[in-house]
Amino acid sequence: MVSAPARRDVVRFMVSRGLSERRALRVIRMSASALRYQPAPDRNETLRERIVAMAHRHRRYGAGMIYLKLRQAGEPVNHKRVERLYAEARLQVKRRKRKKVPMSERKPLGRPGAAN
């Protein structure tokens, strides 16, 4: 499947060569609304920048702690939005590895001398 921006370019090329827009859309099997679609501006840009800055300043903060700190600062944010933007920026905190405790000396199990 070809992406919509590439298909838009094909339709515009066909129209420039004299084909009608409706015919070009039918050949490409694309809707007129998809051709004229204008994406909405990104509303999350400032929030994304604040999340990234906070994550770099406080290395051990996860998405939940960043959400709480934003709420404490008076930012009216949704926790699901913070989690989504946090994941999109690939800011997941690395899990700390367990400290390996040295094992004691191994001994074979003793055989029972009697029942019970």
PDB file of N, CA and C in Angstrom:
ATOM      1  N   MET A   1       0.841  -1.179   0.000  1.00  0.00           N
ATOM      2  CA  MET A   1       0.000   0.000   0.000  1.00  0.00           C
ATOM      3  C   MET A   1       0.890   1.247   0.000  1.00  0.00           C
ATOM      4  N   VAL A   2       0.573   2.162  -0.831  1.00  0.00           N
ATOM      5  CA  VAL A   2       1.330   3.401  -0.954  1.00  0.00           C
ATOM      6  C   VAL A   2       0.762   4.418   0.020  1.00  0.00           C
ATOM      7  N   SER A   3       1.615   5.235   0.634  1.00  0.00           N
ATOM      8  CA  SER A   3       1.155   6.214   1.620  1.00  0.00           C
ATOM      9  C   SER A   3       0.340   7.321   0.950  1.00  0.00           C
ATOM     10  N   ALA A   4      -0.482   7.981   1.762  1.00  0.00           N
ATOM     11  CA  ALA A   4      -1.361   9.032   1.259  1.00  0.00           C
ATOM     12  C   ALA A   4      -0.588  10.207   0.655  1.00  0.00           C
ATOM     13  N   PRO A   5       0.503  10.699   1.277  1.00  0.00           N
ATOM     14  CA  PRO A   5       1.227  11.813   0.636  1.00  0.00           C
ATOM     15  C   PRO A   5       1.766  11.460  -0.744  1.00  0.00           C
ATOM     16  N   ALA A   6       2.231  10.217  -0.936  1.00  0.00           N
ATOM     17  CA  ALA A   6       2.735   9.806  -2.243  1.00  0.00           C
ATOM     18  C   ALA A   6       1.590   9.737  -3.253  1.00  0.00           C
ATOM     19  N   ARG A   7       0.442   9.246  -2.800  1.00  0.00           N
ATOM     20  CA  ARG A   7      -0.717   9.164  -3.695  1.00  0.00           C
ATOM     21  C   ARG A   7      -1.212  10.562  -4.060  1.00  0.00           C
ATOM     22  N   ARG A   8      -1.121  11.500  -3.116  1.00  0.00           N
ATOM     23  CA  ARG A   8      -1.503  12.891  -3.425  1.00  0.00           C
ATOM     24  C   ARG A   8      -0.623  13.438  -4.545  1.00  0.00           C
ATOM     25  N   ASP A   9       0.684  13.145  -4.464  1.00  0.00           N
ATOM     26  CA  ASP A   9       1.607  13.624  -5.494  1.00  0.00           C
ATOM     27  C   ASP A   9       1.263  13.026  -6.854  1.00  0.00           C
ATOM     28  N   VAL A  10       0.876  11.753  -6.874  1.00  0.00           N
ATOM     29  CA  VAL A  10       0.509  11.101  -8.138  1.00  0.00           C
ATOM     30  C   VAL A  10      -0.736  11.761  -8.721  1.00  0.00           C
ATOM     31  N   VAL A  11      -1.726  12.039  -7.855  1.00  0.00           N
ATOM     32  CA  VAL A  11      -2.964  12.681  -8.332  1.00  0.00           C
ATOM     33  C   VAL A  11      -2.644  14.065  -8.880  1.00  0.00           C
ATOM     34  N   ARG A  12      -1.825  14.834  -8.179  1.00  0.00           N
ATOM     35  CA  ARG A  12      -1.474  16.191  -8.650  1.00  0.00           C
ATOM     36  C   ARG A  12      -0.714  16.135  -9.981  1.00  0.00           C
ATOM     37  N   PHE A  13       0.150  15.113 -10.126  1.00  0.00           N
ATOM     38  CA  PHE A  13       0.870  14.953 -11.387  1.00  0.00           C
ATOM     39  C   PHE A  13      -0.104  14.657 -12.519  1.00  0.00           C
ATOM     40  N   MET A  14      -1.061  13.765 -12.256  1.00  0.00           N
ATOM     41  CA  MET A  14      -2.036  13.403 -13.300  1.00  0.00           C
ATOM     42  C   MET A  14      -2.900  14.599 -13.682  1.00  0.00           C
ATOM     43  N   VAL A  15      -3.276  15.407 -12.693  1.00  0.00           N
ATOM     44  CA  VAL A  15      -4.086  16.596 -12.964  1.00  0.00           C
ATOM     45  C   VAL A  15      -3.279  17.601 -13.782  1.00  0.00           C
ATOM     46  N   SER A  16      -1.983  17.729 -13.488  1.00  0.00           N
ATOM     47  CA  SER A  16      -1.150  18.666 -14.255  1.00  0.00           C
ATOM     48  C   SER A  16      -1.000  18.220 -15.706  1.00  0.00           C
ATOM     49  N   ARG A  17      -1.158  16.914 -15.959  1.00  0.00           N
ATOM     50  CA  ARG A  17      -1.060  16.384 -17.322  1.00  0.00           C
ATOM     51  C   ARG A  17      -2.387  16.438 -18.072  1.00  0.00           C
ATOM     52  N   GLY A  18      -3.433  17.015 -17.440  1.00  0.00           N
ATOM     53  CA  GLY A  18      -4.679  17.219 -18.161  1.00  0.00           C
ATOM     54  C   GLY A  18      -5.826  16.319 -17.735  1.00  0.00           C
ATOM     55  N   LEU A  19      -5.594  15.349 -16.854  1.00  0.00           N
ATOM     56  CA  LEU A  19      -6.660  14.475 -16.387  1.00  0.00           C
ATOM     57  C   LEU A  19      -7.479  15.222 -15.344  1.00  0.00           C
ATOM     58  N   SER A  20      -8.773  14.960 -15.299  1.00  0.00           N
ATOM     59  CA  SER A  20      -9.592  15.629 -14.282  1.00  0.00           C
ATOM     60  C   SER A  20      -9.251  15.065 -12.902  1.00  0.00           C
ATOM     61  N   GLU A  21      -9.500  15.879 -11.882  1.00  0.00           N
ATOM     62  CA  GLU A  21      -9.186  15.454 -10.517  1.00  0.00           C
ATOM     63  C   GLU A  21     -10.023  14.245 -10.114  1.00  0.00           C
ATOM     64  N   ARG A  22     -11.297  14.251 -10.487  1.00  0.00           N
ATOM     65  CA  ARG A  22     -12.179  13.130 -10.133  1.00  0.00           C
ATOM     66  C   ARG A  22     -11.716  11.838 -10.791  1.00  0.00           C
ATOM     67  N   ARG A  23     -11.305  11.919 -12.054  1.00  0.00           N
ATOM     68  CA  ARG A  23     -10.836  10.723 -12.764  1.00  0.00           C
ATOM     69  C   ARG A  23      -9.520  10.220 -12.159  1.00  0.00           C
ATOM     70  N   ALA A  24      -8.621  11.150 -11.850  1.00  0.00           N
ATOM     71  CA  ALA A  24      -7.342  10.774 -11.253  1.00  0.00           C
ATOM     72  C   ALA A  24      -7.568  10.099  -9.891  1.00  0.00           C
ATOM     73  N   LEU A  25      -8.481  10.637  -9.105  1.00  0.00           N
ATOM     74  CA  LEU A  25      -8.788  10.035  -7.800  1.00  0.00           C
ATOM     75  C   LEU A  25      -9.370   8.637  -7.961  1.00  0.00           C
ATOM     76  N   ARG A  26     -10.207   8.455  -8.963  1.00  0.00           N
ATOM     77  CA  ARG A  26     -10.812   7.145  -9.186  1.00  0.00           C
ATOM     78  C   ARG A  26      -9.753   6.136  -9.632  1.00  0.00           C
ATOM     79  N   VAL A  27      -8.807   6.554 -10.473  1.00  0.00           N
ATOM     80  CA  VAL A  27      -7.735   5.668 -10.932  1.00  0.00           C
ATOM     81  C   VAL A  27      -6.861   5.237  -9.759  1.00  0.00           C
ATOM     82  N   ILE A  28      -6.539   6.179  -8.882  1.00  0.00           N
ATOM     83  CA  ILE A  28      -5.673   5.901  -7.736  1.00  0.00           C
ATOM     84  C   ILE A  28      -6.449   5.217  -6.608  1.00  0.00           C
ATOM     85  N   ARG A  29      -7.768   5.240  -6.687  1.00  0.00           N
ATOM     86  CA  ARG A  29      -8.646   4.713  -5.626  1.00  0.00           C
ATOM     87  C   ARG A  29      -8.416   5.463  -4.318  1.00  0.00           C
ATOM     88  N   MET A  30      -8.573   6.782  -4.421  1.00  0.00           N
ATOM     89  CA  MET A  30      -8.390   7.656  -3.270  1.00  0.00           C
ATOM     90  C   MET A  30      -9.582   8.586  -3.180  1.00  0.00           C
ATOM     91  N   SER A  31      -9.973   8.943  -1.972  1.00  0.00           N
ATOM     92  CA  SER A  31     -11.120   9.832  -1.803  1.00  0.00           C
ATOM     93  C   SER A  31     -10.680  11.284  -1.928  1.00  0.00           C
ATOM     94  N   ALA A  32     -11.627  12.138  -2.284  1.00  0.00           N
ATOM     95  CA  ALA A  32     -11.332  13.567  -2.417  1.00  0.00           C
ATOM     96  C   ALA A  32     -11.000  14.173  -1.064  1.00  0.00           C
ATOM     97  N   SER A  33     -11.643  13.683  -0.008  1.00  0.00           N
ATOM     98  CA  SER A  33     -11.365  14.220   1.328  1.00  0.00           C
ATOM     99  C   SER A  33      -9.939  13.871   1.763  1.00  0.00           C
ATOM    100  N   ALA A  34      -9.436  12.693   1.378  1.00  0.00           N
ATOM    101  CA  ALA A  34      -8.061  12.325   1.702  1.00  0.00           C
ATOM    102  C   ALA A  34      -7.072  13.207   0.937  1.00  0.00           C
ATOM    103  N   LEU A  35      -7.433  13.602  -0.290  1.00  0.00           N
ATOM    104  CA  LEU A  35      -6.570  14.481  -1.082  1.00  0.00           C
ATOM    105  C   LEU A  35      -6.475  15.859  -0.452  1.00  0.00           C
ATOM    106  N   ARG A  36      -7.585  16.367   0.064  1.00  0.00           N
ATOM    107  CA  ARG A  36      -7.637  17.736   0.599  1.00  0.00           C
ATOM    108  C   ARG A  36      -7.356  17.808   2.096  1.00  0.00           C
ATOM    109  N   TYR A  37      -7.051  16.686   2.735  1.00  0.00           N
ATOM    110  CA  TYR A  37      -6.842  16.643   4.182  1.00  0.00           C
ATOM    111  C   TYR A  37      -5.663  17.506   4.611  1.00  0.00           C
ATOM    112  N   GLN A  38      -5.883  18.347   5.608  1.00  0.00           N
ATOM    113  CA  GLN A  38      -4.822  19.157   6.210  1.00  0.00           C
ATOM    114  C   GLN A  38      -4.681  18.722   7.665  1.00  0.00           C
ATOM    115  N   PRO A  39      -3.544  18.152   8.078  1.00  0.00           N
ATOM    116  CA  PRO A  39      -3.411  17.703   9.464  1.00  0.00           C
ATOM    117  C   PRO A  39      -3.493  18.867  10.439  1.00  0.00           C
ATOM    118  N   ALA A  40      -4.097  18.600  11.595  1.00  0.00           N
ATOM    119  CA  ALA A  40      -4.238  19.623  12.631  1.00  0.00           C
ATOM    120  C   ALA A  40      -2.873  19.890  13.260  1.00  0.00           C
ATOM    121  N   PRO A  41      -2.634  21.121  13.720  1.00  0.00           N
ATOM    122  CA  PRO A  41      -1.346  21.401  14.370  1.00  0.00           C
ATOM    123  C   PRO A  41      -1.208  20.611  15.667  1.00  0.00           C
ATOM    124  N   ASP A  42       0.023  20.295  16.036  1.00  0.00           N
ATOM    125  CA  ASP A  42       0.293  19.496  17.229  1.00  0.00           C
ATOM    126  C   ASP A  42       0.039  20.322  18.481  1.00  0.00           C
ATOM    127  N   ARG A  43      -0.940  19.877  19.298  1.00  0.00           N
ATOM    128  CA  ARG A  43      -1.283  20.596  20.527  1.00  0.00           C
ATOM    129  C   ARG A  43      -0.362  20.231  21.682  1.00  0.00           C
ATOM    130  N   ASN A  44       0.406  19.173  21.532  1.00  0.00           N
ATOM    131  CA  ASN A  44       1.185  18.639  22.645  1.00  0.00           C
ATOM    132  C   ASN A  44       2.647  19.089  22.639  1.00  0.00           C
ATOM    133  N   GLU A  45       3.018  20.017  21.779  1.00  0.00           N
ATOM    134  CA  GLU A  45       4.430  20.365  21.626  1.00  0.00           C
ATOM    135  C   GLU A  45       5.031  20.909  22.923  1.00  0.00           C
ATOM    136  N   THR A  46       4.365  21.855  23.569  1.00  0.00           N
ATOM    137  CA  THR A  46       4.920  22.436  24.800  1.00  0.00           C
ATOM    138  C   THR A  46       4.938  21.400  25.925  1.00  0.00           C
ATOM    139  N   LEU A  47       3.881  20.592  26.007  1.00  0.00           N
ATOM    140  CA  LEU A  47       3.833  19.559  27.042  1.00  0.00           C
ATOM    141  C   LEU A  47       4.938  18.530  26.820  1.00  0.00           C
ATOM    142  N   ARG A  48       5.171  18.143  25.560  1.00  0.00           N
ATOM    143  CA  ARG A  48       6.220  17.178  25.243  1.00  0.00           C
ATOM    144  C   ARG A  48       7.590  17.722  25.661  1.00  0.00           C
ATOM    145  N   GLU A  49       7.831  19.012  25.396  1.00  0.00           N
ATOM    146  CA  GLU A  49       9.108  19.626  25.773  1.00  0.00           C
ATOM    147  C   GLU A  49       9.283  19.637  27.282  1.00  0.00           C
ATOM    148  N   ARG A  50       8.210  19.936  28.025  1.00  0.00           N
ATOM    149  CA  ARG A  50       8.296  19.956  29.495  1.00  0.00           C
ATOM    150  C   ARG A  50       8.568  18.556  30.038  1.00  0.00           C
ATOM    151  N   ILE A  51       7.929  17.544  29.445  1.00  0.00           N
ATOM    152  CA  ILE A  51       8.132  16.161  29.901  1.00  0.00           C
ATOM    153  C   ILE A  51       9.574  15.732  29.658  1.00  0.00           C
ATOM    154  N   VAL A  52      10.099  16.030  28.473  1.00  0.00           N
ATOM    155  CA  VAL A  52      11.472  15.640  28.147  1.00  0.00           C
ATOM    156  C   VAL A  52      12.459  16.364  29.057  1.00  0.00           C
ATOM    157  N   ALA A  53      12.233  17.661  29.287  1.00  0.00           N
ATOM    158  CA  ALA A  53      13.137  18.427  30.155  1.00  0.00           C
ATOM    159  C   ALA A  53      13.113  17.869  31.578  1.00  0.00           C
ATOM    160  N   MET A  54      11.917  17.554  32.074  1.00  0.00           N
ATOM    161  CA  MET A  54      11.799  17.021  33.432  1.00  0.00           C
ATOM    162  C   MET A  54      12.440  15.638  33.537  1.00  0.00           C
ATOM    163  N   ALA A  55      12.292  14.823  32.500  1.00  0.00           N
ATOM    164  CA  ALA A  55      12.874  13.478  32.510  1.00  0.00           C
ATOM    165  C   ALA A  55      14.396  13.542  32.491  1.00  0.00           C
ATOM    166  N   HIS A  56      14.962  14.537  31.796  1.00  0.00           N
ATOM    167  CA  HIS A  56      16.419  14.668  31.768  1.00  0.00           C
ATOM    168  C   HIS A  56      16.952  15.263  33.074  1.00  0.00           C
ATOM    169  N   ARG A  57      16.153  16.139  33.698  1.00  0.00           N
ATOM    170  CA  ARG A  57      16.585  16.737  34.962  1.00  0.00           C
ATOM    171  C   ARG A  57      16.526  15.723  36.098  1.00  0.00           C
ATOM    172  N   HIS A  58      15.471  14.904  36.119  1.00  0.00           N
ATOM    173  CA  HIS A  58      15.281  13.901  37.170  1.00  0.00           C
ATOM    174  C   HIS A  58      15.303  12.528  36.517  1.00  0.00           C
ATOM    175  N   ARG A  59      16.462  11.915  36.448  1.00  0.00           N
ATOM    176  CA  ARG A  59      16.667  10.665  35.711  1.00  0.00           C
ATOM    177  C   ARG A  59      15.789   9.519  36.195  1.00  0.00           C
ATOM    178  N   ARG A  60      15.505   9.453  37.502  1.00  0.00           N
ATOM    179  CA  ARG A  60      14.777   8.305  38.042  1.00  0.00           C
ATOM    180  C   ARG A  60      13.261   8.498  38.026  1.00  0.00           C
ATOM    181  N   TYR A  61      12.774   9.618  37.521  1.00  0.00           N
ATOM    182  CA  TYR A  61      11.323   9.836  37.457  1.00  0.00           C
ATOM    183  C   TYR A  61      10.746   9.057  36.285  1.00  0.00           C
ATOM    184  N   GLY A  62       9.685   8.346  36.546  1.00  0.00           N
ATOM    185  CA  GLY A  62       8.951   7.677  35.480  1.00  0.00           C
ATOM    186  C   GLY A  62       7.797   8.558  35.029  1.00  0.00           C
ATOM    187  N   ALA A  63       6.923   8.003  34.193  1.00  0.00           N
ATOM    188  CA  ALA A  63       5.803   8.767  33.666  1.00  0.00           C
ATOM    189  C   ALA A  63       4.854   9.187  34.788  1.00  0.00           C
ATOM    190  N   GLY A  64       4.641   8.303  35.767  1.00  0.00           N
ATOM    191  CA  GLY A  64       3.725   8.620  36.861  1.00  0.00           C
ATOM    192  C   GLY A  64       4.215   9.774  37.709  1.00  0.00           C
ATOM    193  N   MET A  65       5.484   9.787  38.030  1.00  0.00           N
ATOM    194  CA  MET A  65       6.046  10.865  38.856  1.00  0.00           C
ATOM    195  C   MET A  65       6.059  12.180  38.083  1.00  0.00           C
ATOM    196  N   ILE A  66       6.358  12.116  36.790  1.00  0.00           N
ATOM    197  CA  ILE A  66       6.338  13.339  35.974  1.00  0.00           C
ATOM    198  C   ILE A  66       4.921  13.887  35.907  1.00  0.00           C
ATOM    199  N   TYR A  67       3.943  13.003  35.780  1.00  0.00           N
ATOM    200  CA  TYR A  67       2.544  13.431  35.776  1.00  0.00           C
ATOM    201  C   TYR A  67       2.207  14.145  37.082  1.00  0.00           C
ATOM    202  N   LEU A  68       2.611  13.566  38.210  1.00  0.00           N
ATOM    203  CA  LEU A  68       2.330  14.187  39.508  1.00  0.00           C
ATOM    204  C   LEU A  68       2.997  15.554  39.633  1.00  0.00           C
ATOM    205  N   LYS A  69       4.250  15.661  39.187  1.00  0.00           N
ATOM    206  CA  LYS A  69       4.966  16.936  39.271  1.00  0.00           C
ATOM    207  C   LYS A  69       4.320  17.998  38.377  1.00  0.00           C
ATOM    208  N   LEU A  70       3.825  17.603  37.206  1.00  0.00           N
ATOM    209  CA  LEU A  70       3.130  18.547  36.325  1.00  0.00           C
ATOM    210  C   LEU A  70       1.844  19.028  36.980  1.00  0.00           C
ATOM    211  N   ARG A  71       1.119  18.119  37.629  1.00  0.00           N
ATOM    212  CA  ARG A  71      -0.122  18.497  38.315  1.00  0.00           C
ATOM    213  C   ARG A  71       0.174  19.435  39.485  1.00  0.00           C
ATOM    214  N   GLN A  72       1.260  19.168  40.217  1.00  0.00           N
ATOM    215  CA  GLN A  72       1.636  20.035  41.337  1.00  0.00           C
ATOM    216  C   GLN A  72       2.012  21.433  40.849  1.00  0.00           C
ATOM    217  N   ALA A  73       2.550  21.502  39.624  1.00  0.00           N
ATOM    218  CA  ALA A  73       2.926  22.797  39.049  1.00  0.00           C
ATOM    219  C   ALA A  73       1.721  23.537  38.478  1.00  0.00           C
ATOM    220  N   GLY A  74       0.535  22.927  38.570  1.00  0.00           N
ATOM    221  CA  GLY A  74      -0.678  23.590  38.102  1.00  0.00           C
ATOM    222  C   GLY A  74      -1.030  23.307  36.660  1.00  0.00           C
ATOM    223  N   GLU A  75      -0.365  22.352  36.039  1.00  0.00           N
ATOM    224  CA  GLU A  75      -0.632  21.993  34.635  1.00  0.00           C
ATOM    225  C   GLU A  75      -1.833  21.053  34.578  1.00  0.00           C
ATOM    226  N   PRO A  76      -2.910  21.411  33.879  1.00  0.00           N
ATOM    227  CA  PRO A  76      -4.074  20.509  33.798  1.00  0.00           C
ATOM    228  C   PRO A  76      -3.855  19.423  32.740  1.00  0.00           C
ATOM    229  N   VAL A  77      -3.196  18.333  33.124  1.00  0.00           N
ATOM    230  CA  VAL A  77      -2.863  17.278  32.166  1.00  0.00           C
ATOM    231  C   VAL A  77      -3.562  15.979  32.535  1.00  0.00           C
ATOM    232  N   ASN A  78      -3.712  15.126  31.546  1.00  0.00           N
ATOM    233  CA  ASN A  78      -4.306  13.809  31.701  1.00  0.00           C
ATOM    234  C   ASN A  78      -3.171  12.797  31.820  1.00  0.00           C
ATOM    235  N   HIS A  79      -3.269  11.857  32.758  1.00  0.00           N
ATOM    236  CA  HIS A  79      -2.171  10.899  32.962  1.00  0.00           C
ATOM    237  C   HIS A  79      -1.945  10.028  31.741  1.00  0.00           C
ATOM    238  N   LYS A  80      -3.000   9.732  30.983  1.00  0.00           N
ATOM    239  CA  LYS A  80      -2.833   8.905  29.787  1.00  0.00           C
ATOM    240  C   LYS A  80      -2.064   9.657  28.700  1.00  0.00           C
ATOM    241  N   ARG A  81      -2.295  10.965  28.606  1.00  0.00           N
ATOM    242  CA  ARG A  81      -1.558  11.767  27.630  1.00  0.00           C
ATOM    243  C   ARG A  81      -0.085  11.831  28.009  1.00  0.00           C
ATOM    244  N   VAL A  82       0.199  12.024  29.306  1.00  0.00           N
ATOM    245  CA  VAL A  82       1.588  12.080  29.762  1.00  0.00           C
ATOM    246  C   VAL A  82       2.276  10.748  29.473  1.00  0.00           C
ATOM    247  N   GLU A  83       1.609   9.632  29.755  1.00  0.00           N
ATOM    248  CA  GLU A  83       2.193   8.312  29.496  1.00  0.00           C
ATOM    249  C   GLU A  83       2.457   8.098  28.014  1.00  0.00           C
ATOM    250  N   ARG A  84       1.534   8.543  27.162  1.00  0.00           N
ATOM    251  CA  ARG A  84       1.702   8.377  25.712  1.00  0.00           C
ATOM    252  C   ARG A  84       2.876   9.203  25.204  1.00  0.00           C
ATOM    253  N   LEU A  85       2.960  10.472  25.614  1.00  0.00           N
ATOM    254  CA  LEU A  85       4.061  11.325  25.169  1.00  0.00           C
ATOM    255  C   LEU A  85       5.397  10.845  25.729  1.00  0.00           C
ATOM    256  N   TYR A  86       5.380  10.336  26.953  1.00  0.00           N
ATOM    257  CA  TYR A  86       6.587   9.800  27.591  1.00  0.00           C
ATOM    258  C   TYR A  86       7.095   8.595  26.798  1.00  0.00           C
ATOM    259  N   ALA A  87       6.170   7.719  26.403  1.00  0.00           N
ATOM    260  CA  ALA A  87       6.552   6.528  25.638  1.00  0.00           C
ATOM    261  C   ALA A  87       7.017   6.900  24.227  1.00  0.00           C
ATOM    262  N   GLU A  88       6.351   7.879  23.599  1.00  0.00           N
ATOM    263  CA  GLU A  88       6.760   8.304  22.253  1.00  0.00           C
ATOM    264  C   GLU A  88       8.172   8.871  22.246  1.00  0.00           C
ATOM    265  N   ALA A  89       8.555   9.541  23.336  1.00  0.00           N
ATOM    266  CA  ALA A  89       9.898  10.115  23.428  1.00  0.00           C
ATOM    267  C   ALA A  89      10.928   9.070  23.848  1.00  0.00           C
ATOM    268  N   ARG A  90      10.487   7.831  24.075  1.00  0.00           N
ATOM    269  CA  ARG A  90      11.353   6.714  24.489  1.00  0.00           C
ATOM    270  C   ARG A  90      12.156   7.065  25.744  1.00  0.00           C
ATOM    271  N   LEU A  91      11.432   7.493  26.769  1.00  0.00           N
ATOM    272  CA  LEU A  91      12.073   7.923  28.008  1.00  0.00           C
ATOM    273  C   LEU A  91      11.975   6.883  29.116  1.00  0.00           C
ATOM    274  N   GLN A  92      11.621   5.649  28.796  1.00  0.00           N
ATOM    275  CA  GLN A  92      11.423   4.643  29.827  1.00  0.00           C
ATOM    276  C   GLN A  92      12.665   4.532  30.711  1.00  0.00           C
ATOM    277  N   VAL A  93      12.402   4.492  32.015  1.00  0.00           N
ATOM    278  CA  VAL A  93      13.485   4.367  32.981  1.00  0.00           C
ATOM    279  C   VAL A  93      13.974   2.932  32.957  1.00  0.00           C
ATOM    280  N   LYS A  94      15.290   2.768  32.916  1.00  0.00           N
ATOM    281  CA  LYS A  94      15.857   1.425  32.909  1.00  0.00           C
ATOM    282  C   LYS A  94      15.647   0.782  34.280  1.00  0.00           C
ATOM    283  N   ARG A  95      15.318  -0.480  34.281  1.00  0.00           N
ATOM    284  CA  ARG A  95      15.135  -1.212  35.533  1.00  0.00           C
ATOM    285  C   ARG A  95      16.493  -1.423  36.189  1.00  0.00           C
ATOM    286  N   ARG A  96      16.531  -1.265  37.504  1.00  0.00           N
ATOM    287  CA  ARG A  96      17.783  -1.523  38.209  1.00  0.00           C
ATOM    288  C   ARG A  96      17.971  -3.018  38.354  1.00  0.00           C
ATOM    289  N   LYS A  97      19.197  -3.475  38.176  1.00  0.00           N
ATOM    290  CA  LYS A  97      19.471  -4.904  38.274  1.00  0.00           C
ATOM    291  C   LYS A  97      19.573  -5.306  39.740  1.00  0.00           C
ATOM    292  N   ARG A  98      19.146  -6.524  40.029  1.00  0.00           N
ATOM    293  CA  ARG A  98      19.218  -7.048  41.384  1.00  0.00           C
ATOM    294  C   ARG A  98      20.661  -7.257  41.788  1.00  0.00           C
ATOM    295  N   LYS A  99      20.950  -6.963  43.033  1.00  0.00           N
ATOM    296  CA  LYS A  99      22.289  -7.215  43.561  1.00  0.00           C
ATOM    297  C   LYS A  99      22.415  -8.710  43.792  1.00  0.00           C
ATOM    298  N   LYS A 100      23.441  -9.313  43.226  1.00  0.00           N
ATOM    299  CA  LYS A 100      23.603 -10.760  43.369  1.00  0.00           C
ATOM    300  C   LYS A 100      24.269 -11.071  44.701  1.00  0.00           C
ATOM    301  N   VAL A 101      23.587 -11.864  45.491  1.00  0.00           N
ATOM    302  CA  VAL A 101      24.106 -12.262  46.794  1.00  0.00           C
ATOM    303  C   VAL A 101      24.885 -13.560  46.606  1.00  0.00           C
ATOM    304  N   PRO A 102      26.108 -13.644  47.138  1.00  0.00           N
ATOM    305  CA  PRO A 102      26.871 -14.889  46.966  1.00  0.00           C
ATOM    306  C   PRO A 102      26.168 -16.051  47.660  1.00  0.00           C
ATOM    307  N   MET A 103      26.140 -17.203  46.982  1.00  0.00           N
ATOM    308  CA  MET A 103      25.451 -18.368  47.533  1.00  0.00           C
ATOM    309  C   MET A 103      26.344 -19.061  48.559  1.00  0.00           C
ATOM    310  N   SER A 104      25.684 -19.702  49.522  1.00  0.00           N
ATOM    311  CA  SER A 104      26.439 -20.457  50.515  1.00  0.00           C
ATOM    312  C   SER A 104      26.905 -21.777  49.894  1.00  0.00           C
ATOM    313  N   GLU A 105      27.742 -22.496  50.624  1.00  0.00           N
ATOM    314  CA  GLU A 105      28.280 -23.749  50.103  1.00  0.00           C
ATOM    315  C   GLU A 105      27.168 -24.782  49.966  1.00  0.00           C
ATOM    316  N   ARG A 106      27.131 -25.475  48.844  1.00  0.00           N
ATOM    317  CA  ARG A 106      26.078 -26.471  48.599  1.00  0.00           C
ATOM    318  C   ARG A 106      26.418 -27.782  49.288  1.00  0.00           C
ATOM    319  N   LYS A 107      25.388 -28.386  49.877  1.00  0.00           N
ATOM    320  CA  LYS A 107      25.575 -29.666  50.556  1.00  0.00           C
ATOM    321  C   LYS A 107      24.513 -30.628  50.038  1.00  0.00           C
ATOM    322  N   PRO A 108      24.844 -31.886  49.867  1.00  0.00           N
ATOM    323  CA  PRO A 108      23.833 -32.843  49.397  1.00  0.00           C
ATOM    324  C   PRO A 108      22.776 -33.079  50.486  1.00  0.00           C
ATOM    325  N   LEU A 109      21.540 -33.395  50.021  1.00  0.00           N
ATOM    326  CA  LEU A 109      20.458 -33.678  50.972  1.00  0.00           C
ATOM    327  C   LEU A 109      20.751 -34.977  51.717  1.00  0.00           C
ATOM    328  N   GLY A 110      20.472 -34.961  53.002  1.00  0.00           N
ATOM    329  CA  GLY A 110      20.663 -36.187  53.797  1.00  0.00           C
ATOM    330  C   GLY A 110      19.522 -37.141  53.585  1.00  0.00           C
ATOM    331  N   ARG A 111      19.824 -38.459  53.609  1.00  0.00           N
ATOM    332  CA  ARG A 111      18.773 -39.463  53.416  1.00  0.00           C
ATOM    333  C   ARG A 111      18.059 -39.692  54.744  1.00  0.00           C
ATOM    334  N   PRO A 112      16.737 -39.815  54.697  1.00  0.00           N
ATOM    335  CA  PRO A 112      15.999 -40.068  55.955  1.00  0.00           C
ATOM    336  C   PRO A 112      16.345 -41.448  56.508  1.00  0.00           C
ATOM    337  N   GLY A 113      16.439 -41.515  57.850  1.00  0.00           N
ATOM    338  CA  GLY A 113      16.766 -42.786  58.495  1.00  0.00           C
ATOM    339  C   GLY A 113      15.537 -43.663  58.708  1.00  0.00           C
ATOM    340  N   ALA A 114      14.345 -43.027  58.859  1.00  0.00           N
ATOM    341  CA  ALA A 114      13.116 -43.778  59.097  1.00  0.00           C
ATOM    342  C   ALA A 114      11.942 -43.055  58.477  1.00  0.00           C
ATOM    343  N   ALA A 115      10.783 -43.698  58.419  1.00  0.00           N
ATOM    344  CA  ALA A 115       9.584 -43.063  57.869  1.00  0.00           C
ATOM    345  C   ALA A 115       9.120 -41.921  58.777  1.00  0.00           C
ATOM    346  N   ASN A 116       8.523 -40.900  58.177  1.00  0.00           N
ATOM    347  CA  ASN A 116       8.001 -39.721  58.877  1.00  0.00           C
ATOM    348  C   ASN A 116       9.100 -39.016  59.670  1.00  0.00           C
TER     349      ASN A 116
END
